[in-house]
Amino acid sequence: MTIRVQNRLQFHWDCHFHVYGLMRNCVMPVIVRGILRRRTRRLLDQDIERVVEWLHDAVFHEAYWLQKVDEANRPKKIMKCASIEQLLVEVAKTERQSGRKYGPPAACSGEECIAQLDDGYTIVRLITAEALDWEGLRMDHCLGCGRYDYCLQSPGRAFLSLRDRFGRPHITMSVVNRRYIINMEGKGNRPPIDRYFNILAPFFSREGYKLGLAAFELGRVLDEDGVWHKLGELPPDLRVSGRLNLGHTALRSLPPGLYVSGCLLIGSSLIAEIGEGLDVGGLIIGNAPLAAFPPNTRIRGNLDLRGTQVSHLSNGLCVDRHLLICGTSISKLPDIMSVGGRINLSNSGICQYRRNTPQ
């Protein structure tokens, strides 16, 4: 039982090195006690996260009760609890006493609220070095080490923070070109928790933000309607705005009807099959094991197959610009295809076939 609970909590305490000892030596025994005594029916991630935030705030603000310990040097306030439910009672009591959960008073002058979201969440822009320091400290990542201070002076560059209604940060985002998100970090540089993705999705869609992160970094894809889809559960006719980078994922196939307004990248993935009706602004295959194109594929830019494993092109291929198949093993062009630019066949299987065919 203890090992199972420890594995469950590992994600949460790894995100907060400040509270590692409290989580492992104090909170985990309380949770195990509640489960064994059948006082805890369900162990929810949001409850664990709430307790972790409470501990983090207590350490950050040097709460007096941390000094009141038992003979094993464990805070009595935690150890008197018999379950996570009783811990949550202590959390709520602290919230009532403070009037709100600890907010960021030291960073207020260096922040600008740019959006109000559901359930009291906000998007805050960090505009001073002090605000970056505060964010980095609370989120346990390197934003506040001074390394990124110069970015505050770069046009189009911004740092955004997702805050709950009590002013606590949960996701830090780095933006370039005003609307292009190149980094999203949760606590301790870990991937954000699922529910925060759902809170952010309408904001991204409404404000026109595009994701510049590889899908493997987030474990999901955001469609043009602001809906997240987990990798491995991509639906047919999925439509994605901007670039979609599926490189380094364990995906083996892509759904039919996939539309990407920008470039689709699948290099260093396991993708060997793509559904019919692919429509993308560009396609970079790299070393993915894709051997054949599906029927009715449209590429709204160049299609460069040099250095790939592609050996077969299906009917209905439409390439708006140039088709480069030089150096591939492709030995036949489709009977039905359209290419807006030139076709480079040099050193391909087609040229080899022509050289070996009797005249």
Protein backbone atom coordinates (compact mmCIF):
# COMPACT_ATOMS: atom_id res chain seq x y z
CA MET A 1 0.00 0.00 0.00
CA THR A 2 2.75 2.47 0.96
CA ILE A 3 4.63 1.86 -2.30
CA ARG A 4 1.48 2.40 -4.39
CA VAL A 5 0.68 5.67 -2.64
CA GLN A 6 4.31 6.79 -2.91
CA ASN A 7 4.24 6.18 -6.67
CA ARG A 8 1.00 8.15 -6.90
CA LEU A 9 2.43 11.09 -4.96
CA GLN A 10 5.84 11.02 -6.65
CA PHE A 11 4.74 13.36 -9.43
CA HIS A 12 3.45 15.93 -6.95
CA TRP A 13 6.39 16.05 -4.56
CA ASP A 14 8.93 15.96 -7.40
CA CYS A 15 7.40 19.22 -8.60
CA HIS A 16 8.12 20.93 -5.28
CA PHE A 17 11.60 20.27 -3.92
CA HIS A 18 10.86 22.69 -1.06
CA VAL A 19 8.22 20.32 0.34
CA TYR A 20 9.72 16.94 -0.59
CA GLY A 21 10.41 15.98 3.02
CA LEU A 22 7.00 17.11 4.26
CA MET A 23 5.22 15.17 1.53
CA ARG A 24 7.23 11.98 1.93
CA ASN A 25 7.58 11.82 5.70
CA CYS A 26 4.36 13.48 6.86
CA VAL A 27 1.63 13.66 4.24
CA MET A 28 2.14 10.17 2.81
CA PRO A 29 1.71 8.43 6.20
CA VAL A 30 -1.46 10.44 6.81
CA ILE A 31 -2.90 9.45 3.42
CA VAL A 32 -2.00 5.78 3.91
CA ARG A 33 -3.59 5.86 7.36
CA GLY A 34 -6.82 7.22 5.93
CA ILE A 35 -6.95 4.58 3.19
CA LEU A 36 -6.24 1.68 5.56
CA ARG A 37 -8.90 2.87 8.00
CA ARG A 38 -11.35 3.33 5.11
CA ARG A 39 -11.73 7.04 5.83
CA THR A 40 -10.58 7.90 2.31
CA ARG A 41 -12.79 6.60 -0.48
CA ARG A 42 -11.05 8.29 -3.43
CA LEU A 43 -7.61 9.87 -3.69
CA LEU A 44 -8.01 12.75 -6.16
CA ASP A 45 -5.14 14.55 -7.88
CA GLN A 46 -6.72 17.94 -7.22
CA ASP A 47 -6.83 17.20 -3.48
CA ILE A 48 -3.18 16.18 -3.46
CA GLU A 49 -2.24 19.29 -5.42
CA ARG A 50 -4.19 21.47 -2.98
CA VAL A 51 -2.28 20.02 -0.02
CA VAL A 52 1.03 20.46 -1.84
CA GLU A 53 0.23 24.11 -2.53
CA TRP A 54 -0.68 24.61 1.12
CA LEU A 55 2.68 23.19 2.21
CA HIS A 56 4.53 25.20 -0.41
CA ASP A 57 2.87 28.41 0.80
CA ALA A 58 3.67 27.53 4.41
CA VAL A 59 7.36 26.99 3.61
CA PHE A 60 7.51 30.07 1.40
CA HIS A 61 5.99 32.28 4.13
CA GLU A 62 7.70 30.45 7.04
CA ALA A 63 4.43 29.56 8.76
CA TYR A 64 4.76 29.37 12.54
CA TRP A 65 3.21 25.89 12.80
CA LEU A 66 6.11 24.34 10.91
CA GLN A 67 8.20 24.84 14.07
CA LYS A 68 5.75 22.96 16.30
CA VAL A 69 6.95 19.40 15.79
CA ASP A 70 6.68 15.98 17.45
CA GLU A 71 9.52 13.78 18.67
CA ALA A 72 10.25 12.72 15.07
CA ASN A 73 10.56 16.39 14.00
CA ARG A 74 7.28 16.28 12.06
CA PRO A 75 4.80 19.20 12.23
CA LYS A 76 2.01 18.33 14.66
CA LYS A 77 -0.52 20.18 12.53
CA ILE A 78 -0.05 17.55 9.82
CA MET A 79 0.45 14.46 11.96
CA LYS A 80 -2.72 14.99 14.01
CA CYS A 81 -4.73 14.35 10.84
CA ALA A 82 -6.04 10.86 10.15
CA SER A 83 -6.73 11.22 6.41
CA ILE A 84 -6.32 13.56 3.47
CA GLU A 85 -9.86 14.78 4.15
CA GLN A 86 -8.72 16.10 7.54
CA LEU A 87 -5.70 17.69 5.88
CA LEU A 88 -8.06 19.51 3.55
CA VAL A 89 -9.93 20.83 6.57
CA GLU A 90 -6.65 22.37 7.78
CA VAL A 91 -6.08 23.79 4.31
CA ALA A 92 -9.51 25.41 4.29
CA LYS A 93 -8.95 26.79 7.78
CA THR A 94 -5.74 28.48 6.65
CA GLU A 95 -7.55 29.94 3.65
CA ARG A 96 -10.27 31.42 5.85
CA GLN A 97 -7.77 32.88 8.27
CA SER A 98 -5.76 34.54 5.53
CA GLY A 99 -8.83 35.74 3.64
CA ARG A 100 -7.38 34.16 0.52
CA LYS A 101 -4.59 31.77 -0.31
CA TYR A 102 -1.21 33.41 -0.28
CA GLY A 103 -0.89 35.72 -3.26
CA PRO A 104 2.11 37.44 -4.82
CA PRO A 105 2.25 40.87 -3.15
CA ALA A 106 5.93 41.30 -3.92
CA ALA A 107 5.35 40.81 -7.62
CA CYS A 108 2.18 42.86 -8.14
CA SER A 109 4.03 45.94 -9.36
CA GLY A 110 5.77 43.87 -12.01
CA GLU A 111 2.70 42.10 -13.35
CA GLU A 112 -0.13 42.93 -15.71
CA CYS A 113 -3.39 40.96 -15.86
CA ILE A 114 -4.25 40.44 -19.53
CA ALA A 115 -7.16 37.97 -19.37
CA GLN A 116 -9.90 36.75 -17.03
CA LEU A 117 -10.70 33.04 -17.38
CA ASP A 118 -13.30 30.68 -15.94
CA ASP A 119 -13.40 29.80 -12.23
CA GLY A 120 -11.47 32.92 -11.24
CA TYR A 121 -8.29 32.04 -13.14
CA THR A 122 -6.30 34.81 -14.82
CA ILE A 123 -3.45 35.20 -17.27
CA VAL A 124 -0.75 37.51 -15.95
CA ARG A 125 2.08 39.01 -17.97
CA LEU A 126 5.41 39.28 -16.14
CA ILE A 127 7.04 42.59 -17.04
CA THR A 128 9.94 43.06 -14.60
CA ALA A 129 12.96 41.04 -13.50
CA GLU A 130 11.50 40.94 -9.98
CA ALA A 131 8.33 39.35 -11.32
CA LEU A 132 10.39 36.70 -13.11
CA ASP A 133 12.29 36.00 -9.88
CA TRP A 134 9.04 35.57 -7.94
CA GLU A 135 7.56 33.28 -10.58
CA GLY A 136 10.69 31.15 -10.72
CA LEU A 137 10.77 30.79 -6.93
CA ARG A 138 7.13 29.78 -6.62
CA MET A 139 7.22 27.45 -9.62
CA ASP A 140 10.58 25.84 -8.77
CA HIS A 141 12.10 26.52 -12.19
CA CYS A 142 14.89 28.66 -13.59
CA LEU A 143 12.88 31.64 -14.88
CA GLY A 144 14.08 33.75 -11.97
CA CYS A 145 17.79 33.00 -12.23
CA GLY A 146 18.44 36.16 -14.27
CA ARG A 147 19.05 34.23 -17.47
CA TYR A 148 15.87 35.53 -19.09
CA ASP A 149 15.81 39.12 -17.86
CA TYR A 150 17.11 40.43 -21.20
CA CYS A 151 14.07 38.93 -22.96
CA LEU A 152 11.85 41.51 -21.27
CA GLN A 153 13.30 44.11 -23.64
CA SER A 154 12.77 42.03 -26.80
CA PRO A 155 9.85 43.13 -29.01
CA GLY A 156 7.20 40.44 -29.29
CA ARG A 157 8.66 38.41 -26.41
CA ALA A 158 6.58 37.84 -23.28
CA PHE A 159 6.29 35.64 -20.20
CA LEU A 160 2.79 34.68 -19.10
CA SER A 161 1.60 32.98 -15.92
CA LEU A 162 -1.64 31.13 -15.28
CA ARG A 163 -2.88 32.14 -11.81
CA ASP A 164 -5.78 30.80 -9.79
CA ARG A 165 -8.25 33.05 -7.99
CA PHE A 166 -5.89 33.30 -5.03
CA GLY A 167 -2.95 34.51 -7.11
CA ARG A 168 -1.00 31.26 -7.14
CA PRO A 169 0.89 30.35 -10.34
CA HIS A 170 0.34 26.99 -12.04
CA ILE A 171 1.78 27.31 -15.56
CA THR A 172 4.52 29.58 -16.90
CA MET A 173 4.50 30.29 -20.65
CA SER A 174 7.09 31.84 -22.93
CA VAL A 175 5.81 33.71 -26.00
CA VAL A 176 7.60 34.97 -29.11
CA ASN A 177 6.22 36.97 -32.04
CA ARG A 178 3.40 38.10 -29.72
CA ARG A 179 1.20 35.01 -30.20
CA TYR A 180 3.56 32.03 -30.55
CA ILE A 181 3.98 29.92 -27.42
CA ILE A 182 7.34 28.15 -27.37
CA ASN A 183 7.35 26.90 -23.79
CA MET A 184 4.79 25.80 -21.18
CA GLU A 185 6.08 24.64 -17.81
CA GLY A 186 4.30 23.33 -14.75
CA LYS A 187 5.78 23.11 -11.27
CA GLY A 188 9.43 22.08 -11.27
CA ASN A 189 9.60 22.14 -15.10
CA ARG A 190 7.13 19.26 -15.25
CA PRO A 191 4.28 19.05 -17.80
CA PRO A 192 1.20 20.98 -16.66
CA ILE A 193 -1.65 19.11 -14.99
CA ASP A 194 -4.58 18.12 -17.24
CA ARG A 195 -7.18 20.49 -15.83
CA TYR A 196 -5.02 23.54 -16.53
CA PHE A 197 -4.90 22.66 -20.23
CA ASN A 198 -8.69 22.84 -20.33
CA ILE A 199 -8.68 26.21 -18.58
CA LEU A 200 -6.18 27.62 -21.09
CA ALA A 201 -7.74 26.24 -24.29
CA PRO A 202 -10.49 28.91 -24.72
CA PHE A 203 -7.93 31.66 -24.11
CA PHE A 204 -5.60 30.30 -26.79
CA SER A 205 -8.46 29.97 -29.26
CA ARG A 206 -9.98 33.38 -28.53
CA GLU A 207 -6.72 35.32 -28.62
CA GLY A 208 -5.20 33.45 -31.56
CA TYR A 209 -2.22 31.93 -29.76
CA LYS A 210 -0.35 29.20 -31.63
CA LEU A 211 1.66 26.39 -30.04
CA GLY A 212 5.28 26.10 -31.08
CA LEU A 213 5.97 23.14 -28.79
CA ALA A 214 6.39 19.57 -29.98
CA ALA A 215 3.39 17.42 -29.13
CA PHE A 216 5.52 15.01 -27.10
CA GLU A 217 6.32 17.84 -24.67
CA LEU A 218 2.64 18.31 -23.82
CA GLY A 219 1.31 14.83 -24.55
CA ARG A 220 -1.58 16.32 -26.54
CA VAL A 221 -2.63 18.39 -29.54
CA LEU A 222 -4.80 21.54 -29.58
CA ASP A 223 -7.29 21.73 -32.47
CA GLU A 224 -8.49 24.92 -34.14
CA ASP A 225 -11.67 24.92 -32.01
CA GLY A 226 -9.68 25.06 -28.77
CA VAL A 227 -10.15 21.39 -27.81
CA TRP A 228 -7.26 19.27 -26.53
CA HIS A 229 -6.73 15.73 -27.83
CA LYS A 230 -4.34 13.36 -26.12
CA LEU A 231 -1.75 11.61 -28.26
CA GLY A 232 -3.03 8.17 -29.14
CA GLU A 233 -6.61 9.50 -29.15
CA LEU A 234 -6.46 11.80 -32.19
CA PRO A 235 -9.89 11.80 -33.90
CA PRO A 236 -10.66 11.64 -37.64
CA ASP A 237 -10.89 14.99 -39.45
CA LEU A 238 -8.73 16.70 -36.83
CA ARG A 239 -7.95 20.32 -37.79
CA VAL A 240 -4.91 22.08 -36.32
CA SER A 241 -3.93 25.73 -36.72
CA GLY A 242 -0.26 26.52 -37.26
CA ARG A 243 2.54 23.96 -37.17
CA LEU A 244 2.10 20.44 -35.76
CA ASN A 245 5.25 18.70 -34.55
CA LEU A 246 4.67 15.00 -33.88
CA GLY A 247 8.36 14.13 -33.88
CA HIS A 248 9.74 11.90 -31.10
CA THR A 249 6.26 10.55 -30.30
CA ALA A 250 5.29 6.88 -30.05
CA LEU A 251 2.43 7.34 -32.52
CA ARG A 252 2.37 4.69 -35.24
CA SER A 253 -0.42 6.11 -37.40
CA LEU A 254 -2.34 9.32 -38.05
CA PRO A 255 -6.13 9.59 -38.47
CA PRO A 256 -7.85 10.15 -41.83
CA GLY A 257 -8.79 13.68 -42.79
CA LEU A 258 -6.00 15.35 -40.81
CA TYR A 259 -5.69 19.06 -41.68
CA VAL A 260 -2.77 21.23 -40.55
CA SER A 261 -2.66 24.86 -41.69
CA GLY A 262 1.12 24.94 -41.26
CA CYS A 263 3.82 22.31 -41.54
CA LEU A 264 3.47 18.74 -40.22
CA LEU A 265 6.68 17.27 -38.78
CA ILE A 266 6.92 13.53 -38.06
CA GLY A 267 10.69 12.96 -38.02
CA SER A 268 12.06 10.67 -35.28
CA SER A 269 8.57 9.29 -34.66
CA LEU A 270 7.20 5.76 -35.20
CA ILE A 271 4.56 6.94 -37.69
CA ALA A 272 4.36 4.38 -40.51
CA GLU A 273 0.81 5.00 -41.72
CA ILE A 274 -1.26 8.11 -42.47
CA GLY A 275 -5.01 8.08 -43.07
CA GLU A 276 -6.57 9.15 -46.36
CA GLY A 277 -7.19 12.83 -47.06
CA LEU A 278 -4.11 14.36 -45.43
CA ASP A 279 -4.04 18.15 -46.05
CA VAL A 280 -1.02 20.06 -44.71
CA GLY A 281 0.87 23.26 -45.44
CA GLY A 282 4.14 21.33 -45.56
CA LEU A 283 5.47 17.92 -44.58
CA ILE A 284 8.82 16.96 -43.06
CA ILE A 285 9.17 13.18 -42.78
CA GLY A 286 12.81 12.78 -41.81
CA ASN A 287 13.62 9.28 -40.58
CA ALA A 288 10.04 8.26 -39.76
CA PRO A 289 9.22 4.75 -41.10
CA LEU A 290 6.53 6.05 -43.48
CA ALA A 291 6.75 4.01 -46.70
CA ALA A 292 3.59 4.98 -48.59
CA PHE A 293 1.41 8.04 -48.97
CA PRO A 294 -2.35 7.68 -48.51
CA PRO A 295 -4.77 8.48 -51.36
CA ASN A 296 -5.89 12.07 -51.85
CA THR A 297 -3.00 13.73 -50.07
CA ARG A 298 -2.57 17.46 -50.49
CA ILE A 299 0.63 19.35 -49.69
CA ARG A 300 0.16 23.13 -49.95
CA GLY A 301 3.90 23.73 -50.26
CA ASN A 302 6.89 21.65 -51.37
CA LEU A 303 7.02 17.89 -50.88
CA ASP A 304 10.63 16.87 -50.31
CA LEU A 305 11.05 13.10 -49.99
CA ARG A 306 14.86 13.05 -50.17
CA GLY A 307 16.36 10.84 -47.48
CA THR A 308 13.02 9.27 -46.52
CA GLN A 309 11.77 5.67 -46.65
CA VAL A 310 8.81 6.55 -48.89
CA SER A 311 8.61 4.12 -51.83
CA HIS A 312 5.03 4.55 -53.05
CA LEU A 313 2.80 7.51 -53.96
CA SER A 314 -0.98 7.01 -54.18
CA ASN A 315 -3.52 8.48 -56.57
CA GLY A 316 -4.94 11.89 -55.82
CA LEU A 317 -1.62 13.39 -54.70
CA CYS A 318 -1.70 17.18 -55.00
CA VAL A 319 1.46 19.23 -54.43
CA ASP A 320 1.00 22.98 -54.83
CA ARG A 321 4.70 23.66 -55.39
CA HIS A 322 7.68 21.37 -56.09
CA LEU A 323 7.91 17.57 -55.75
CA LEU A 324 11.40 16.26 -54.98
CA ILE A 325 11.80 12.48 -55.03
CA CYS A 326 15.46 12.37 -56.04
CA GLY A 327 17.43 9.61 -54.37
CA THR A 328 14.32 7.64 -53.30
CA SER A 329 13.23 4.13 -54.30
CA ILE A 330 9.96 5.39 -55.82
CA SER A 331 9.68 3.67 -59.21
CA LYS A 332 6.32 4.92 -60.45
CA LEU A 333 4.34 8.15 -60.32
CA PRO A 334 0.59 7.99 -59.60
CA ASP A 335 -1.78 7.91 -62.58
CA ILE A 336 -3.72 10.78 -61.01
CA MET A 337 -1.65 13.56 -59.47
CA SER A 338 -1.13 17.32 -59.62
CA VAL A 339 2.11 19.25 -59.09
CA GLY A 340 2.15 23.04 -59.32
CA GLY A 341 5.94 23.35 -59.69
CA ARG A 342 8.71 21.11 -60.98
CA ILE A 343 9.32 17.41 -60.33
CA ASN A 344 12.89 16.33 -59.54
CA LEU A 345 13.37 12.62 -60.37
CA SER A 346 17.17 12.48 -60.40
CA ASN A 347 18.73 9.30 -58.93
CA SER A 348 15.28 7.96 -58.03
CA GLY A 349 13.81 4.53 -58.77
CA ILE A 350 11.97 6.04 -61.73
CA CYS A 351 15.22 7.09 -63.44
CA GLN A 352 16.73 3.68 -62.70
CA TYR A 353 13.67 1.99 -64.20
CA ARG A 354 13.91 4.10 -67.36
CA ARG A 355 17.62 3.34 -67.78
CA ASN A 356 16.98 -0.40 -67.48
CA THR A 357 13.93 -0.48 -69.77
CA PRO A 358 14.68 -1.63 -73.36
CA GLN A 359 14.00 1.06 -75.96
